[in-house]
C-alpha atoms as a PDB file:
ATOM      1  CA  UNK A   1      -0.103  -0.084  -0.261  1.00  0.00           C
ATOM      2  CA  UNK A   2       1.076   3.330  -1.073  1.00  0.00           C
ATOM      3  CA  UNK A   3       2.110   5.963   1.802  1.00  0.00           C
ATOM      4  CA  UNK A   4      -0.049   8.773   1.725  1.00  0.00           C
ATOM      5  CA  UNK A   5       1.499  12.433   1.781  1.00  0.00           C
ATOM      6  CA  UNK A   6      -0.299  15.669   2.362  1.00  0.00           C
ATOM      7  CA  UNK A   7       0.993  18.404   0.436  1.00  0.00           C
ATOM      8  CA  UNK A   8      -0.182  21.926   1.724  1.00  0.00           C
ATOM      9  CA  UNK A   9       1.150  24.786  -0.253  1.00  0.00           C
ATOM     10  CA  UNK A  10      -0.516  28.135  -1.685  1.00  0.00           C
ATOM     11  CA  UNK A  11       1.539  27.644  -5.120  1.00  0.00           C
ATOM     12  CA  UNK A  12      -0.281  25.264  -7.459  1.00  0.00           C
ATOM     13  CA  UNK A  13       2.970  24.979  -9.176  1.00  0.00           C
ATOM     14  CA  UNK A  14       4.771  23.872  -6.550  1.00  0.00           C
ATOM     15  CA  UNK A  15       2.071  21.734  -5.438  1.00  0.00           C
ATOM     16  CA  UNK A  16       2.501  19.946  -8.824  1.00  0.00           C
ATOM     17  CA  UNK A  17       5.948  19.588  -8.803  1.00  0.00           C
ATOM     18  CA  UNK A  18       6.633  18.505  -5.738  1.00  0.00           C
ATOM     19  CA  UNK A  19       3.615  15.800  -6.452  1.00  0.00           C
ATOM     20  CA  UNK A  20       5.290  15.049  -9.624  1.00  0.00           C
ATOM     21  CA  UNK A  21       8.745  14.104  -7.920  1.00  0.00           C
ATOM     22  CA  UNK A  22       7.403  12.117  -5.045  1.00  0.00           C
ATOM     23  CA  UNK A  23       5.094  10.190  -7.205  1.00  0.00           C
ATOM     24  CA  UNK A  24       8.169   8.732  -8.932  1.00  0.00           C
ATOM     25  CA  UNK A  25       8.878   7.080  -5.323  1.00  0.00           C
ATOM     26  CA  UNK A  26       5.495   5.301  -5.099  1.00  0.00           C
ATOM     27  CA  UNK A  27       3.537   7.990  -2.738  1.00  0.00           C
ATOM     28  CA  UNK A  28       0.237   8.910  -3.040  1.00  0.00           C
ATOM     29  CA  UNK A  29       0.023  12.787  -2.847  1.00  0.00           C
ATOM     30  CA  UNK A  30      -3.286  14.564  -1.642  1.00  0.00           C
ATOM     31  CA  UNK A  31      -3.112  18.480  -2.581  1.00  0.00           C
ATOM     32  CA  UNK A  32      -4.426  21.283  -0.675  1.00  0.00           C
ATOM     33  CA  UNK A  33      -4.001  24.945  -0.882  1.00  0.00           C
ATOM     34  CA  UNK A  34      -4.642  25.817   3.098  1.00  0.00           C
ATOM     35  CA  UNK A  35      -4.939  24.900   6.383  1.00  0.00           C
ATOM     36  CA  UNK A  36      -8.755  24.802   6.319  1.00  0.00           C
ATOM     37  CA  UNK A  37      -8.680  22.384   2.971  1.00  0.00           C
ATOM     38  CA  UNK A  38      -6.396  20.218   4.885  1.00  0.00           C
ATOM     39  CA  UNK A  39      -8.405  20.454   8.203  1.00  0.00           C
ATOM     40  CA  UNK A  40     -11.145  18.919   6.396  1.00  0.00           C
ATOM     41  CA  UNK A  41      -9.130  15.995   4.527  1.00  0.00           C
ATOM     42  CA  UNK A  42      -7.735  15.278   8.083  1.00  0.00           C
ATOM     43  CA  UNK A  43     -11.050  15.169   9.745  1.00  0.00           C
ATOM     44  CA  UNK A  44     -11.930  11.753   7.898  1.00  0.00           C
ATOM     45  CA  UNK A  45      -8.272  10.587   6.479  1.00  0.00           C
ATOM     46  CA  UNK A  46      -4.901  10.106   8.025  1.00  0.00           C
ATOM     47  CA  UNK A  47      -2.188  10.482   5.882  1.00  0.00           C
ATOM     48  CA  UNK A  48       1.363   9.105   6.716  1.00  0.00           C
ATOM     49  CA  UNK A  49       3.296  12.329   6.632  1.00  0.00           C
ATOM     50  CA  UNK A  50       2.204  16.201   6.287  1.00  0.00           C
ATOM     51  CA  UNK A  51       4.626  18.678   4.405  1.00  0.00           C
ATOM     52  CA  UNK A  52       3.332  22.235   4.684  1.00  0.00           C
ATOM     53  CA  UNK A  53       4.450  25.710   3.766  1.00  0.00           C
ATOM     54  CA  UNK A  54       4.987  28.608   6.502  1.00  0.00           C
ATOM     55  CA  UNK A  55       3.218  31.156   4.606  1.00  0.00           C
ATOM     56  CA  UNK A  56      -0.732  29.632   4.085  1.00  0.00           C
ATOM     57  CA  UNK A  57      -3.891  32.285   4.206  1.00  0.00           C
ATOM     58  CA  UNK A  58      -5.634  32.391   7.161  1.00  0.00           C
ATOM     59  CA  UNK A  59      -3.414  30.454   9.165  1.00  0.00           C
ATOM     60  CA  UNK A  60       0.263  29.629   9.002  1.00  0.00           C
ATOM     61  CA  UNK A  61       1.837  26.533   9.010  1.00  0.00           C
ATOM     62  CA  UNK A  62       3.000  26.859  12.442  1.00  0.00           C
ATOM     63  CA  UNK A  63      -0.167  27.126  13.721  1.00  0.00           C
ATOM     64  CA  UNK A  64      -1.413  24.447  11.472  1.00  0.00           C
ATOM     65  CA  UNK A  65       1.211  22.200  12.915  1.00  0.00           C
ATOM     66  CA  UNK A  66       0.268  23.202  16.555  1.00  0.00           C
ATOM     67  CA  UNK A  67      -3.046  22.399  15.857  1.00  0.00           C
ATOM     68  CA  UNK A  68      -1.987  18.587  14.094  1.00  0.00           C
ATOM     69  CA  UNK A  69       0.216  17.852  17.168  1.00  0.00           C
ATOM     70  CA  UNK A  70      -2.232  18.769  19.793  1.00  0.00           C
ATOM     71  CA  UNK A  71      -4.706  16.574  18.627  1.00  0.00           C
ATOM     72  CA  UNK A  72      -4.443  13.093  19.866  1.00  0.00           C
ATOM     73  CA  UNK A  73      -5.572  11.266  16.755  1.00  0.00           C
ATOM     74  CA  UNK A  74      -3.124  13.460  14.342  1.00  0.00           C
ATOM     75  CA  UNK A  75      -0.322  14.193  16.707  1.00  0.00           C
ATOM     76  CA  UNK A  76       2.180  10.686  15.270  1.00  0.00           C
ATOM     77  CA  UNK A  77       1.892  12.193  12.027  1.00  0.00           C
ATOM     78  CA  UNK A  78       5.223  13.525  10.753  1.00  0.00           C
ATOM     79  CA  UNK A  79       5.109  17.039   9.420  1.00  0.00           C
ATOM     80  CA  UNK A  80       7.822  19.015   7.822  1.00  0.00           C
ATOM     81  CA  UNK A  81       7.601  22.676   7.752  1.00  0.00           C
ATOM     82  CA  UNK A  82       8.965  24.613   4.751  1.00  0.00           C
ATOM     83  CA  UNK A  83       9.324  28.252   3.879  1.00  0.00           C
ATOM     84  CA  UNK A  84      11.267  30.683   1.393  1.00  0.00           C
ATOM     85  CA  UNK A  85      10.983  33.649   3.743  1.00  0.00           C
ATOM     86  CA  UNK A  86      11.459  32.512   7.444  1.00  0.00           C
ATOM     87  CA  UNK A  87      15.117  32.544   7.699  1.00  0.00           C
ATOM     88  CA  UNK A  88      14.613  30.953  11.387  1.00  0.00           C
ATOM     89  CA  UNK A  89      12.497  27.849   9.834  1.00  0.00           C
ATOM     90  CA  UNK A  90      14.316  25.392  11.748  1.00  0.00           C
ATOM     91  CA  UNK A  91      13.926  26.790  15.183  1.00  0.00           C
ATOM     92  CA  UNK A  92       9.648  27.729  14.505  1.00  0.00           C
ATOM     93  CA  UNK A  93       9.480  24.077  13.446  1.00  0.00           C
ATOM     94  CA  UNK A  94      11.382  23.086  16.444  1.00  0.00           C
ATOM     95  CA  UNK A  95       9.139  25.413  18.826  1.00  0.00           C
ATOM     96  CA  UNK A  96       5.840  23.845  17.319  1.00  0.00           C
ATOM     97  CA  UNK A  97       6.388  20.695  17.552  1.00  0.00           C
ATOM     98  CA  UNK A  98       7.334  19.880  13.734  1.00  0.00           C
ATOM     99  CA  UNK A  99       9.431  16.838  12.831  1.00  0.00           C
ATOM    100  CA  UNK A 100      11.448  18.427  10.354  1.00  0.00           C
ATOM    101  CA  UNK A 101      11.986  21.753   8.579  1.00  0.00           C
ATOM    102  CA  UNK A 102      13.391  23.170   5.140  1.00  0.00           C
ATOM    103  CA  UNK A 103      14.180  26.229   3.603  1.00  0.00           C
ATOM    104  CA  UNK A 104      12.808  26.848  -0.019  1.00  0.00           C
ATOM    105  CA  UNK A 105      13.720  26.148  -2.602  1.00  0.00           C
ATOM    106  CA  UNK A 106      13.443  22.534  -1.958  1.00  0.00           C
ATOM    107  CA  UNK A 107      15.989  20.333  -3.360  1.00  0.00           C
ATOM    108  CA  UNK A 108      14.370  17.207  -3.948  1.00  0.00           C
ATOM    109  CA  UNK A 109      16.769  15.053  -2.983  1.00  0.00           C
ATOM    110  CA  UNK A 110      17.033  16.392   0.242  1.00  0.00           C
ATOM    111  CA  UNK A 111      13.347  16.346   0.625  1.00  0.00           C
ATOM    112  CA  UNK A 112      13.117  12.999  -0.220  1.00  0.00           C
ATOM    113  CA  UNK A 113      15.888  11.981   2.255  1.00  0.00           C
ATOM    114  CA  UNK A 114      13.607  13.704   4.995  1.00  0.00           C
ATOM    115  CA  UNK A 115      10.510  11.560   3.953  1.00  0.00           C
ATOM    116  CA  UNK A 116      12.524   8.685   3.621  1.00  0.00           C
ATOM    117  CA  UNK A 117      13.740   9.424   7.126  1.00  0.00           C
ATOM    118  CA  UNK A 118      10.203   9.609   8.550  1.00  0.00           C
ATOM    119  CA  UNK A 119       8.280   7.366   6.794  1.00  0.00           C
ATOM    120  CA  UNK A 120      10.206   5.369   4.888  1.00  0.00           C
END
């Protein structure tokens, strides 16, 4: 069974790009554009990993991560937070309970290594 990765990113191009890379490694990819869409998805589904951009409309990625990590049903899901503009993304991610973090632009091989480390 394919492992499911929920990608939360406002940019359609980035969602499609990341999906195209990860599908080559036999992951099932779910794409959403906001934390609200992700929350709706998570009400009925439990992915194997969440990959979320920091800057999202209405709820930043750190708030979304805290929400996920405070939910008993979801807190076990590995969470990777990334950002092109937050210089201290590593500190922010650690503070909110994210399992890993990245600066954008995301190097596909580094992303894949982080995902494999977290979910295989």
